[in-house]
C-alpha atoms as a PDB file:
ATOM      1  CA  MET A   1      83.090  65.275  77.569  1.00  0.00           C
ATOM      2  CA  SER A   2      82.962  68.478  79.584  1.00  0.00           C
ATOM      3  CA  THR A   3      80.314  71.129  79.152  1.00  0.00           C
ATOM      4  CA  HIS A   4      80.815  74.834  79.518  1.00  0.00           C
ATOM      5  CA  SER A   5      78.592  77.002  81.652  1.00  0.00           C
ATOM      6  CA  TRP A   6      77.828  80.511  80.440  1.00  0.00           C
ATOM      7  CA  THR A   7      75.962  81.351  83.614  1.00  0.00           C
ATOM      8  CA  ARG A   8      78.725  83.340  85.294  1.00  0.00           C
ATOM      9  CA  ARG A   9      81.389  85.848  84.462  1.00  0.00           C
ATOM     10  CA  SER A  10      85.016  84.832  84.595  1.00  0.00           C
ATOM     11  CA  TYR A  11      85.752  88.355  85.825  1.00  0.00           C
ATOM     12  CA  GLU A  12      83.802  91.469  86.673  1.00  0.00           C
ATOM     13  CA  ALA A  13      85.359  94.797  85.738  1.00  0.00           C
ATOM     14  CA  ASP A  14      84.481  98.190  87.163  1.00  0.00           C
ATOM     15  CA  VAL A  15      83.425 100.235  84.122  1.00  0.00           C
ATOM     16  CA  LEU A  16      83.122 104.010  84.297  1.00  0.00           C
ATOM     17  CA  LEU A  17      80.967 105.464  81.503  1.00  0.00           C
ATOM     18  CA  VAL A  18      81.488 109.197  80.951  1.00  0.00           C
ATOM     19  CA  PRO A  19      78.994 110.841  78.567  1.00  0.00           C
ATOM     20  CA  LEU A  20      80.780 113.922  77.212  1.00  0.00           C
ATOM     21  CA  ASP A  21      78.044 115.894  75.490  1.00  0.00           C
ATOM     22  CA  PRO A  22      74.393 116.730  76.198  1.00  0.00           C
ATOM     23  CA  THR A  23      73.065 114.177  73.689  1.00  0.00           C
ATOM     24  CA  ALA A  24      75.211 111.413  75.182  1.00  0.00           C
ATOM     25  CA  ARG A  25      74.067 112.377  78.692  1.00  0.00           C
ATOM     26  CA  ALA A  26      70.433 112.254  77.573  1.00  0.00           C
ATOM     27  CA  ALA A  27      70.952 108.841  75.977  1.00  0.00           C
ATOM     28  CA  VAL A  28      72.476 107.442  79.173  1.00  0.00           C
ATOM     29  CA  THR A  29      69.778 109.026  81.351  1.00  0.00           C
ATOM     30  CA  ALA A  30      67.109 107.357  79.203  1.00  0.00           C
ATOM     31  CA  LEU A  31      68.655 103.900  79.709  1.00  0.00           C
ATOM     32  CA  PRO A  32      69.307 103.433  83.442  1.00  0.00           C
ATOM     33  CA  ASP A  33      68.021  99.837  83.447  1.00  0.00           C
ATOM     34  CA  GLU A  34      70.267  98.950  80.513  1.00  0.00           C
ATOM     35  CA  LEU A  35      73.453  99.794  82.422  1.00  0.00           C
ATOM     36  CA  PRO A  36      73.539  97.427  85.407  1.00  0.00           C
ATOM     37  CA  GLY A  37      76.821  97.669  87.238  1.00  0.00           C
ATOM     38  CA  ILE A  38      78.124 100.492  85.052  1.00  0.00           C
ATOM     39  CA  THR A  39      79.139 103.638  86.953  1.00  0.00           C
ATOM     40  CA  VAL A  40      77.953 106.892  85.380  1.00  0.00           C
ATOM     41  CA  PRO A  41      79.093 110.187  86.926  1.00  0.00           C
ATOM     42  CA  GLY A  42      76.693 113.057  87.552  1.00  0.00           C
ATOM     43  CA  ALA A  43      76.227 116.210  85.521  1.00  0.00           C
ATOM     44  CA  SER A  44      79.862 117.320  85.869  1.00  0.00           C
ATOM     45  CA  PRO A  45      81.930 114.488  84.380  1.00  0.00           C
ATOM     46  CA  LEU A  46      85.351 115.783  85.447  1.00  0.00           C
ATOM     47  CA  VAL A  47      84.455 116.554  89.038  1.00  0.00           C
ATOM     48  CA  ASP A  48      82.278 113.486  89.529  1.00  0.00           C
ATOM     49  CA  SER A  49      84.635 111.131  87.660  1.00  0.00           C
ATOM     50  CA  ARG A  50      87.723 111.859  89.751  1.00  0.00           C
ATOM     51  CA  GLN A  51      86.440 109.786  92.622  1.00  0.00           C
ATOM     52  CA  HIS A  52      85.687 106.864  90.292  1.00  0.00           C
ATOM     53  CA  VAL A  53      88.783 106.916  88.043  1.00  0.00           C
ATOM     54  CA  GLU A  54      91.059 105.309  90.603  1.00  0.00           C
ATOM     55  CA  HIS A  55      88.627 102.424  91.113  1.00  0.00           C
ATOM     56  CA  ALA A  56      87.743 101.854  87.465  1.00  0.00           C
ATOM     57  CA  ASP A  57      89.232  99.034  85.440  1.00  0.00           C
ATOM     58  CA  VAL A  58      87.976 100.622  82.217  1.00  0.00           C
ATOM     59  CA  ILE A  59      86.855 104.164  81.407  1.00  0.00           C
ATOM     60  CA  THR A  60      84.609 104.619  78.395  1.00  0.00           C
ATOM     61  CA  LEU A  61      83.879 108.051  76.954  1.00  0.00           C
ATOM     62  CA  LEU A  62      80.507 108.230  75.218  1.00  0.00           C
ATOM     63  CA  ILE A  63      80.179 110.858  72.497  1.00  0.00           C
ATOM     64  CA  HIS A  64      77.183 111.663  70.320  1.00  0.00           C
ATOM     65  CA  ASP A  65      78.114 115.176  69.234  1.00  0.00           C
ATOM     66  CA  LEU A  66      81.846 115.622  68.673  1.00  0.00           C
ATOM     67  CA  ALA A  67      81.474 119.385  68.210  1.00  0.00           C
ATOM     68  CA  ALA A  68      79.954 119.706  71.703  1.00  0.00           C
ATOM     69  CA  ILE A  69      82.629 117.954  73.768  1.00  0.00           C
ATOM     70  CA  ASP A  70      85.025 119.732  76.076  1.00  0.00           C
ATOM     71  CA  HIS A  71      88.525 119.010  74.724  1.00  0.00           C
ATOM     72  CA  ASP A  72      90.059 119.790  78.095  1.00  0.00           C
ATOM     73  CA  ALA A  73      87.846 117.148  79.738  1.00  0.00           C
ATOM     74  CA  VAL A  74      89.134 114.527  77.301  1.00  0.00           C
ATOM     75  CA  VAL A  75      92.742 115.554  77.971  1.00  0.00           C
ATOM     76  CA  ARG A  76      92.319 115.456  81.753  1.00  0.00           C
ATOM     77  CA  LEU A  77      90.494 112.123  81.722  1.00  0.00           C
ATOM     78  CA  GLY A  78      93.175 110.735  79.397  1.00  0.00           C
ATOM     79  CA  GLU A  79      95.931 111.884  81.735  1.00  0.00           C
ATOM     80  CA  ALA A  80      94.117 110.502  84.784  1.00  0.00           C
ATOM     81  CA  ALA A  81      93.638 107.146  83.064  1.00  0.00           C
ATOM     82  CA  ARG A  82      97.298 106.934  82.095  1.00  0.00           C
ATOM     83  CA  ALA A  83      98.407 107.928  85.601  1.00  0.00           C
ATOM     84  CA  THR A  84      96.401 105.051  87.081  1.00  0.00           C
ATOM     85  CA  GLY A  85      97.101 102.568  84.274  1.00  0.00           C
ATOM     86  CA  THR A  86      93.413 102.412  83.391  1.00  0.00           C
ATOM     87  CA  LEU A  87      92.239 101.584  79.878  1.00  0.00           C
ATOM     88  CA  LEU A  88      90.475 104.571  78.293  1.00  0.00           C
ATOM     89  CA  GLY A  89      88.169 103.889  75.382  1.00  0.00           C
ATOM     90  CA  ALA A  90      85.874 106.182  73.450  1.00  0.00           C
ATOM     91  CA  VAL A  91      82.667 105.330  71.632  1.00  0.00           C
ATOM     92  CA  VAL A  92      81.374 107.811  69.074  1.00  0.00           C
ATOM     93  CA  VAL A  93      77.734 107.284  68.149  1.00  0.00           C
ATOM     94  CA  THR A  94      77.052 108.744  64.733  1.00  0.00           C
ATOM     95  CA  PRO A  95      74.289 107.420  62.446  1.00  0.00           C
ATOM     96  CA  ASP A  96      76.247 107.899  59.223  1.00  0.00           C
ATOM     97  CA  LEU A  97      79.471 106.480  60.785  1.00  0.00           C
ATOM     98  CA  GLY A  98      81.310 109.691  60.003  1.00  0.00           C
ATOM     99  CA  TRP A  99      81.359 113.431  60.483  1.00  0.00           C
ATOM    100  CA  SER A 100      82.325 116.583  58.687  1.00  0.00           C
ATOM    101  CA  GLY A 101      83.368 119.981  59.849  1.00  0.00           C
ATOM    102  CA  ALA A 102      86.361 121.513  61.529  1.00  0.00           C
ATOM    103  CA  ASP A 103      84.906 121.289  65.068  1.00  0.00           C
ATOM    104  CA  GLU A 104      84.226 117.572  64.725  1.00  0.00           C
ATOM    105  CA  ASP A 105      87.655 116.925  63.177  1.00  0.00           C
ATOM    106  CA  ALA A 106      89.419 118.800  65.987  1.00  0.00           C
ATOM    107  CA  ALA A 107      87.475 116.911  68.651  1.00  0.00           C
ATOM    108  CA  ALA A 108      88.137 113.569  66.931  1.00  0.00           C
ATOM    109  CA  ALA A 109      91.869 114.351  66.931  1.00  0.00           C
ATOM    110  CA  VAL A 110      91.822 115.069  70.687  1.00  0.00           C
ATOM    111  CA  VAL A 111      89.892 111.869  71.362  1.00  0.00           C
ATOM    112  CA  ARG A 112      92.292 109.815  69.203  1.00  0.00           C
ATOM    113  CA  ASP A 113      95.292 111.343  70.999  1.00  0.00           C
ATOM    114  CA  HIS A 114      94.046 110.509  74.489  1.00  0.00           C
ATOM    115  CA  ALA A 115      91.993 107.327  74.160  1.00  0.00           C
ATOM    116  CA  ASP A 116      93.538 103.887  73.892  1.00  0.00           C
ATOM    117  CA  THR A 117      90.723 102.701  71.629  1.00  0.00           C
ATOM    118  CA  VAL A 118      88.090 104.541  69.604  1.00  0.00           C
ATOM    119  CA  VAL A 119      84.986 102.768  68.321  1.00  0.00           C
ATOM    120  CA  ILE A 120      82.466 104.353  65.950  1.00  0.00           C
ATOM    121  CA  VAL A 121      78.935 102.920  65.905  1.00  0.00           C
ATOM    122  CA  PRO A 122      75.659 103.987  64.251  1.00  0.00           C
ATOM    123  CA  ASP A 123      73.422 103.836  67.350  1.00  0.00           C
ATOM    124  CA  MET A 124      73.225 102.930  71.053  1.00  0.00           C
ATOM    125  CA  PRO A 125      72.518  99.144  71.073  1.00  0.00           C
ATOM    126  CA  PRO A 126      76.115  98.213  70.140  1.00  0.00           C
ATOM    127  CA  VAL A 127      77.339 100.533  72.906  1.00  0.00           C
ATOM    128  CA  LEU A 128      75.266  98.675  75.482  1.00  0.00           C
ATOM    129  CA  HIS A 129      76.650  95.336  74.316  1.00  0.00           C
ATOM    130  CA  LEU A 130      80.214  96.659  74.330  1.00  0.00           C
ATOM    131  CA  LEU A 131      79.826  97.927  77.892  1.00  0.00           C
ATOM    132  CA  GLN A 132      78.568  94.541  79.059  1.00  0.00           C
ATOM    133  CA  VAL A 133      81.491  92.784  77.347  1.00  0.00           C
ATOM    134  CA  LEU A 134      83.938  95.173  79.017  1.00  0.00           C
ATOM    135  CA  ARG A 135      82.264  94.480  82.335  1.00  0.00           C
ATOM    136  CA  GLY A 136      82.611  90.726  81.901  1.00  0.00           C
ATOM    137  CA  GLY A 137      79.653  89.590  79.866  1.00  0.00           C
ATOM    138  CA  THR A 138      76.109  88.817  80.911  1.00  0.00           C
ATOM    139  CA  ARG A 139      75.320  86.873  84.059  1.00  0.00           C
ATOM    140  CA  ASP A 140      73.344  84.077  82.453  1.00  0.00           C
ATOM    141  CA  THR A 141      72.378  82.680  79.077  1.00  0.00           C
ATOM    142  CA  ALA A 142      68.874  84.147  79.274  1.00  0.00           C
ATOM    143  CA  GLU A 143      70.375  87.647  79.375  1.00  0.00           C
ATOM    144  CA  ALA A 144      72.818  86.782  76.592  1.00  0.00           C
ATOM    145  CA  ILE A 145      70.026  85.602  74.307  1.00  0.00           C
ATOM    146  CA  ALA A 146      67.694  88.518  75.037  1.00  0.00           C
END
């Protein structure tokens, strides 16, 4: 009977994480040790992301405040992802798993139009797990259990 080893990834994807609003940027800045192997652009997501988009296997937009995102940035990142055949996902972190207001609705519509997948979560821990899954999982069982 064969046994399976969970100590290595079967693949390792290049994941580009683009925080689109100040709260998302602050959340990512507070968790540098939680994002091993994940590329995060600098303060200007569009300018800094261009160099990474062509090399990324997956682009993930991180949004905490829908009303504060730049719609044009979402459109341009969506077009860049499509031009390179790169999967573009969006994660919206909202504690009540919803939003209200015209600004949030308009931003959500832009995100839905340009992202291949949109995930809504109540806080950051699921985002960290999702990013590791996209990247190829954890390196060993000790990390997976922790």
